[in-house]
Amino acid sequence: MTDSTDSVLNIEQAIPHRPPMLLLDAVLEIDPQRIVCRKTFREDEFFVQGHYPGYPLVPGVILCECTMQAGAVLLSQHTGDEPGVPVATRMNEVKFKRMVRPGETVTIEAELVERLGDAFFLTGKVRCDGKLAARLDFACAMAPE
């Protein structure tokens, strides 16, 4: 894999997210149906500043957003030069299994289950120290830019 600077540049070419809402550090693996990414959460991330003072935790919704961003990078392979940006349309069967704290690194996996026109159905998992931290099913659609 390339260094993290190259990886972030590649991620930024694939999706419209930018700091502070770009929540992927690197793409570790990718093929047409599956992607695996990495994110190390820092203590200075805006979303842990008040969640919770004295016991900072990465919010579950941020773990979901990481997964959907990984899915968006994966979908960029399927949409190519088609106009539009992927937007989340739903999340189902969301389960949180392990707390994630600043300083920890997670791996994020998203898998394309089905495509129906401009709608994409995916499943995702977030792991920390090899243990499942979150899982979800989600859908994205291509919205006009």
C-alpha atoms as a PDB file:
ATOM      1  CA  MET A   1       0.000   0.000   0.000  1.00  0.00           C
ATOM      2  CA  THR A   2       1.130   3.567  -0.539  1.00  0.00           C
ATOM      3  CA  ASP A   3       1.994   5.918   2.300  1.00  0.00           C
ATOM      4  CA  SER A   4      -0.848   7.583   4.201  1.00  0.00           C
ATOM      5  CA  THR A   5      -0.528  10.911   2.344  1.00  0.00           C
ATOM      6  CA  ASP A   6      -1.003   9.174  -1.006  1.00  0.00           C
ATOM      7  CA  SER A   7      -3.864   7.128   0.432  1.00  0.00           C
ATOM      8  CA  VAL A   8      -5.711  10.220   1.686  1.00  0.00           C
ATOM      9  CA  LEU A   9      -5.244  11.895  -1.699  1.00  0.00           C
ATOM     10  CA  ASN A  10      -6.715   8.811  -3.380  1.00  0.00           C
ATOM     11  CA  ILE A  11      -9.648   8.835  -0.934  1.00  0.00           C
ATOM     12  CA  GLU A  12     -10.242  12.539  -1.640  1.00  0.00           C
ATOM     13  CA  GLN A  13     -10.313  11.796  -5.377  1.00  0.00           C
ATOM     14  CA  ALA A  14     -12.980   9.152  -4.809  1.00  0.00           C
ATOM     15  CA  ILE A  15     -15.372  10.969  -2.426  1.00  0.00           C
ATOM     16  CA  PRO A  16     -16.288  14.595  -1.701  1.00  0.00           C
ATOM     17  CA  HIS A  17     -15.606  14.449   2.076  1.00  0.00           C
ATOM     18  CA  ARG A  18     -12.911  16.745   3.482  1.00  0.00           C
ATOM     19  CA  PRO A  19     -11.509  17.366   6.965  1.00  0.00           C
ATOM     20  CA  PRO A  20     -12.783  17.502   9.560  1.00  0.00           C
ATOM     21  CA  MET A  21     -15.430  15.102   8.197  1.00  0.00           C
ATOM     22  CA  LEU A  22     -13.065  12.903   6.185  1.00  0.00           C
ATOM     23  CA  LEU A  23     -12.970   9.888   8.485  1.00  0.00           C
ATOM     24  CA  LEU A  24     -10.696   7.467   6.626  1.00  0.00           C
ATOM     25  CA  ASP A  25      -6.904   7.372   6.881  1.00  0.00           C
ATOM     26  CA  ALA A  26      -6.095   4.674   4.345  1.00  0.00           C
ATOM     27  CA  VAL A  27      -7.516   2.097   1.975  1.00  0.00           C
ATOM     28  CA  LEU A  28      -5.959  -1.264   2.840  1.00  0.00           C
ATOM     29  CA  GLU A  29      -7.743  -3.489   0.318  1.00  0.00           C
ATOM     30  CA  ILE A  30     -10.221  -2.923  -2.483  1.00  0.00           C
ATOM     31  CA  ASP A  31     -11.875  -5.000  -5.162  1.00  0.00           C
ATOM     32  CA  PRO A  32     -15.174  -4.485  -7.021  1.00  0.00           C
ATOM     33  CA  GLN A  33     -17.303  -5.928  -4.191  1.00  0.00           C
ATOM     34  CA  ARG A  34     -15.372  -5.110  -0.991  1.00  0.00           C
ATOM     35  CA  ILE A  35     -13.166  -2.486   0.621  1.00  0.00           C
ATOM     36  CA  VAL A  36     -11.160  -2.433   3.839  1.00  0.00           C
ATOM     37  CA  CYS A  37     -10.011   0.903   5.284  1.00  0.00           C
ATOM     38  CA  ARG A  38      -8.230   2.127   8.402  1.00  0.00           C
ATOM     39  CA  LYS A  39      -8.878   5.017  10.782  1.00  0.00           C
ATOM     40  CA  THR A  40      -6.957   5.983  13.907  1.00  0.00           C
ATOM     41  CA  PHE A  41      -8.992   8.258  16.150  1.00  0.00           C
ATOM     42  CA  ARG A  42      -7.082  11.147  17.687  1.00  0.00           C
ATOM     43  CA  GLU A  43      -7.779  12.753  21.061  1.00  0.00           C
ATOM     44  CA  ASP A  44      -8.268  16.146  19.372  1.00  0.00           C
ATOM     45  CA  GLU A  45     -11.075  14.997  17.021  1.00  0.00           C
ATOM     46  CA  PHE A  46     -13.977  17.446  17.340  1.00  0.00           C
ATOM     47  CA  PHE A  47     -16.538  14.729  18.034  1.00  0.00           C
ATOM     48  CA  VAL A  48     -14.848  13.406  21.190  1.00  0.00           C
ATOM     49  CA  GLN A  49     -14.350  16.795  22.855  1.00  0.00           C
ATOM     50  CA  GLY A  50     -17.674  16.623  24.684  1.00  0.00           C
ATOM     51  CA  HIS A  51     -18.419  12.906  24.304  1.00  0.00           C
ATOM     52  CA  TYR A  52     -17.713  12.424  27.265  1.00  0.00           C
ATOM     53  CA  PRO A  53     -15.495  14.700  29.390  1.00  0.00           C
ATOM     54  CA  GLY A  54     -13.203  12.516  31.462  1.00  0.00           C
ATOM     55  CA  TYR A  55     -14.151   9.389  29.492  1.00  0.00           C
ATOM     56  CA  PRO A  56     -13.918  10.199  25.769  1.00  0.00           C
ATOM     57  CA  LEU A  57     -15.648   7.801  23.377  1.00  0.00           C
ATOM     58  CA  VAL A  58     -15.986   7.818  19.609  1.00  0.00           C
ATOM     59  CA  PRO A  59     -19.731   8.271  18.979  1.00  0.00           C
ATOM     60  CA  GLY A  60     -21.475   5.331  17.333  1.00  0.00           C
ATOM     61  CA  VAL A  61     -22.774   7.569  14.567  1.00  0.00           C
ATOM     62  CA  ILE A  62     -19.144   8.367  13.663  1.00  0.00           C
ATOM     63  CA  LEU A  63     -18.406   4.646  13.332  1.00  0.00           C
ATOM     64  CA  CYS A  64     -21.404   4.436  10.980  1.00  0.00           C
ATOM     65  CA  GLU A  65     -20.141   7.443   9.003  1.00  0.00           C
ATOM     66  CA  CYS A  66     -16.688   5.841   8.632  1.00  0.00           C
ATOM     67  CA  THR A  67     -18.365   2.752   7.219  1.00  0.00           C
ATOM     68  CA  MET A  68     -20.500   4.734   4.788  1.00  0.00           C
ATOM     69  CA  GLN A  69     -17.448   6.700   3.615  1.00  0.00           C
ATOM     70  CA  ALA A  70     -15.634   3.422   2.958  1.00  0.00           C
ATOM     71  CA  GLY A  71     -18.704   2.326   1.013  1.00  0.00           C
ATOM     72  CA  ALA A  72     -18.625   5.555  -0.991  1.00  0.00           C
ATOM     73  CA  VAL A  73     -14.983   4.937  -1.957  1.00  0.00           C
ATOM     74  CA  LEU A  74     -15.980   1.424  -3.065  1.00  0.00           C
ATOM     75  CA  LEU A  75     -18.909   2.788  -5.088  1.00  0.00           C
ATOM     76  CA  SER A  76     -16.627   5.225  -6.904  1.00  0.00           C
ATOM     77  CA  GLN A  77     -15.345   2.159  -8.788  1.00  0.00           C
ATOM     78  CA  HIS A  78     -18.876   1.407  -9.962  1.00  0.00           C
ATOM     79  CA  THR A  79     -19.976   4.910 -10.893  1.00  0.00           C
ATOM     80  CA  GLY A  80     -16.784   6.067 -12.630  1.00  0.00           C
ATOM     81  CA  ASP A  81     -17.510   9.283 -14.518  1.00  0.00           C
ATOM     82  CA  GLU A  82     -21.262   9.178 -13.859  1.00  0.00           C
ATOM     83  CA  PRO A  83     -22.378  12.523 -12.413  1.00  0.00           C
ATOM     84  CA  GLY A  84     -23.466  12.713  -8.797  1.00  0.00           C
ATOM     85  CA  VAL A  85     -22.295  11.989  -5.299  1.00  0.00           C
ATOM     86  CA  PRO A  86     -23.265   9.052  -3.097  1.00  0.00           C
ATOM     87  CA  VAL A  87     -25.588   9.983  -0.252  1.00  0.00           C
ATOM     88  CA  ALA A  88     -26.869   7.722   2.502  1.00  0.00           C
ATOM     89  CA  THR A  89     -30.546   6.865   2.216  1.00  0.00           C
ATOM     90  CA  ARG A  90     -30.914   4.470   5.132  1.00  0.00           C
ATOM     91  CA  MET A  91     -29.229   2.431   7.842  1.00  0.00           C
ATOM     92  CA  ASN A  92     -30.713  -0.830   9.105  1.00  0.00           C
ATOM     93  CA  GLU A  93     -29.727  -3.418  11.676  1.00  0.00           C
ATOM     94  CA  VAL A  94     -27.184  -1.111  13.338  1.00  0.00           C
ATOM     95  CA  LYS A  95     -25.483  -2.798  16.272  1.00  0.00           C
ATOM     96  CA  PHE A  96     -22.731  -1.485  18.526  1.00  0.00           C
ATOM     97  CA  LYS A  97     -20.683  -4.210  20.187  1.00  0.00           C
ATOM     98  CA  ARG A  98     -17.581  -2.479  21.582  1.00  0.00           C
ATOM     99  CA  MET A  99     -16.665   1.037  22.653  1.00  0.00           C
ATOM    100  CA  VAL A 100     -13.940   2.778  20.642  1.00  0.00           C
ATOM    101  CA  ARG A 101     -11.741   5.326  22.389  1.00  0.00           C
ATOM    102  CA  PRO A 102      -9.383   8.032  21.092  1.00  0.00           C
ATOM    103  CA  GLY A 103      -5.972   6.544  20.306  1.00  0.00           C
ATOM    104  CA  GLU A 104      -7.466   3.322  18.962  1.00  0.00           C
ATOM    105  CA  THR A 105      -7.274   2.186  15.341  1.00  0.00           C
ATOM    106  CA  VAL A 106     -10.209   0.555  13.608  1.00  0.00           C
ATOM    107  CA  THR A 107     -10.512  -1.366  10.382  1.00  0.00           C
ATOM    108  CA  ILE A 108     -13.621  -0.671   8.378  1.00  0.00           C
ATOM    109  CA  GLU A 109     -15.043  -3.128   5.887  1.00  0.00           C
ATOM    110  CA  ALA A 110     -17.849  -2.390   3.440  1.00  0.00           C
ATOM    111  CA  GLU A 111     -19.268  -4.900   1.016  1.00  0.00           C
ATOM    112  CA  LEU A 112     -21.573  -4.232  -1.927  1.00  0.00           C
ATOM    113  CA  VAL A 113     -24.553  -6.563  -1.670  1.00  0.00           C
ATOM    114  CA  GLU A 114     -26.688  -5.306  -4.554  1.00  0.00           C
ATOM    115  CA  ARG A 115     -27.100  -2.490  -7.059  1.00  0.00           C
ATOM    116  CA  LEU A 116     -30.492  -1.489  -8.403  1.00  0.00           C
ATOM    117  CA  GLY A 117     -30.063   1.398 -10.854  1.00  0.00           C
ATOM    118  CA  ASP A 118     -28.682   4.324  -8.865  1.00  0.00           C
ATOM    119  CA  ALA A 119     -29.314   2.601  -5.517  1.00  0.00           C
ATOM    120  CA  PHE A 120     -26.585   0.613  -3.795  1.00  0.00           C
ATOM    121  CA  PHE A 121     -27.119  -1.739  -0.846  1.00  0.00           C
ATOM    122  CA  LEU A 122     -24.140  -2.479   1.373  1.00  0.00           C
ATOM    123  CA  THR A 123     -23.182  -4.067   4.643  1.00  0.00           C
ATOM    124  CA  GLY A 124     -20.390  -2.856   6.869  1.00  0.00           C
ATOM    125  CA  LYS A 125     -18.335  -3.812   9.897  1.00  0.00           C
ATOM    126  CA  VAL A 126     -15.971  -1.872  12.137  1.00  0.00           C
ATOM    127  CA  ARG A 127     -13.364  -3.837  14.081  1.00  0.00           C
ATOM    128  CA  CYS A 128     -11.025  -2.680  16.829  1.00  0.00           C
ATOM    129  CA  ASP A 129      -8.274  -4.977  18.094  1.00  0.00           C
ATOM    130  CA  GLY A 130      -9.828  -7.713  15.969  1.00  0.00           C
ATOM    131  CA  LYS A 131     -13.158  -7.461  17.801  1.00  0.00           C
ATOM    132  CA  LEU A 132     -16.404  -6.324  16.229  1.00  0.00           C
ATOM    133  CA  ALA A 133     -17.196  -2.775  17.347  1.00  0.00           C
ATOM    134  CA  ALA A 134     -20.141  -2.027  15.029  1.00  0.00           C
ATOM    135  CA  ARG A 135     -22.056  -3.506  12.126  1.00  0.00           C
ATOM    136  CA  LEU A 136     -24.731  -2.081   9.887  1.00  0.00           C
ATOM    137  CA  ASP A 137     -26.592  -2.479   6.640  1.00  0.00           C
ATOM    138  CA  PHE A 138     -26.951   0.714   4.635  1.00  0.00           C
ATOM    139  CA  ALA A 139     -28.050   2.066   1.316  1.00  0.00           C
ATOM    140  CA  CYS A 140     -26.744   4.899  -0.834  1.00  0.00           C
ATOM    141  CA  ALA A 141     -28.099   6.606  -3.911  1.00  0.00           C
ATOM    142  CA  MET A 142     -26.390   8.841  -6.422  1.00  0.00           C
ATOM    143  CA  ALA A 143     -27.573  12.421  -5.961  1.00  0.00           C
ATOM    144  CA  PRO A 144     -26.965  15.183  -8.505  1.00  0.00           C
ATOM    145  CA  GLU A 145     -23.923  17.332  -7.724  1.00  0.00           C
END
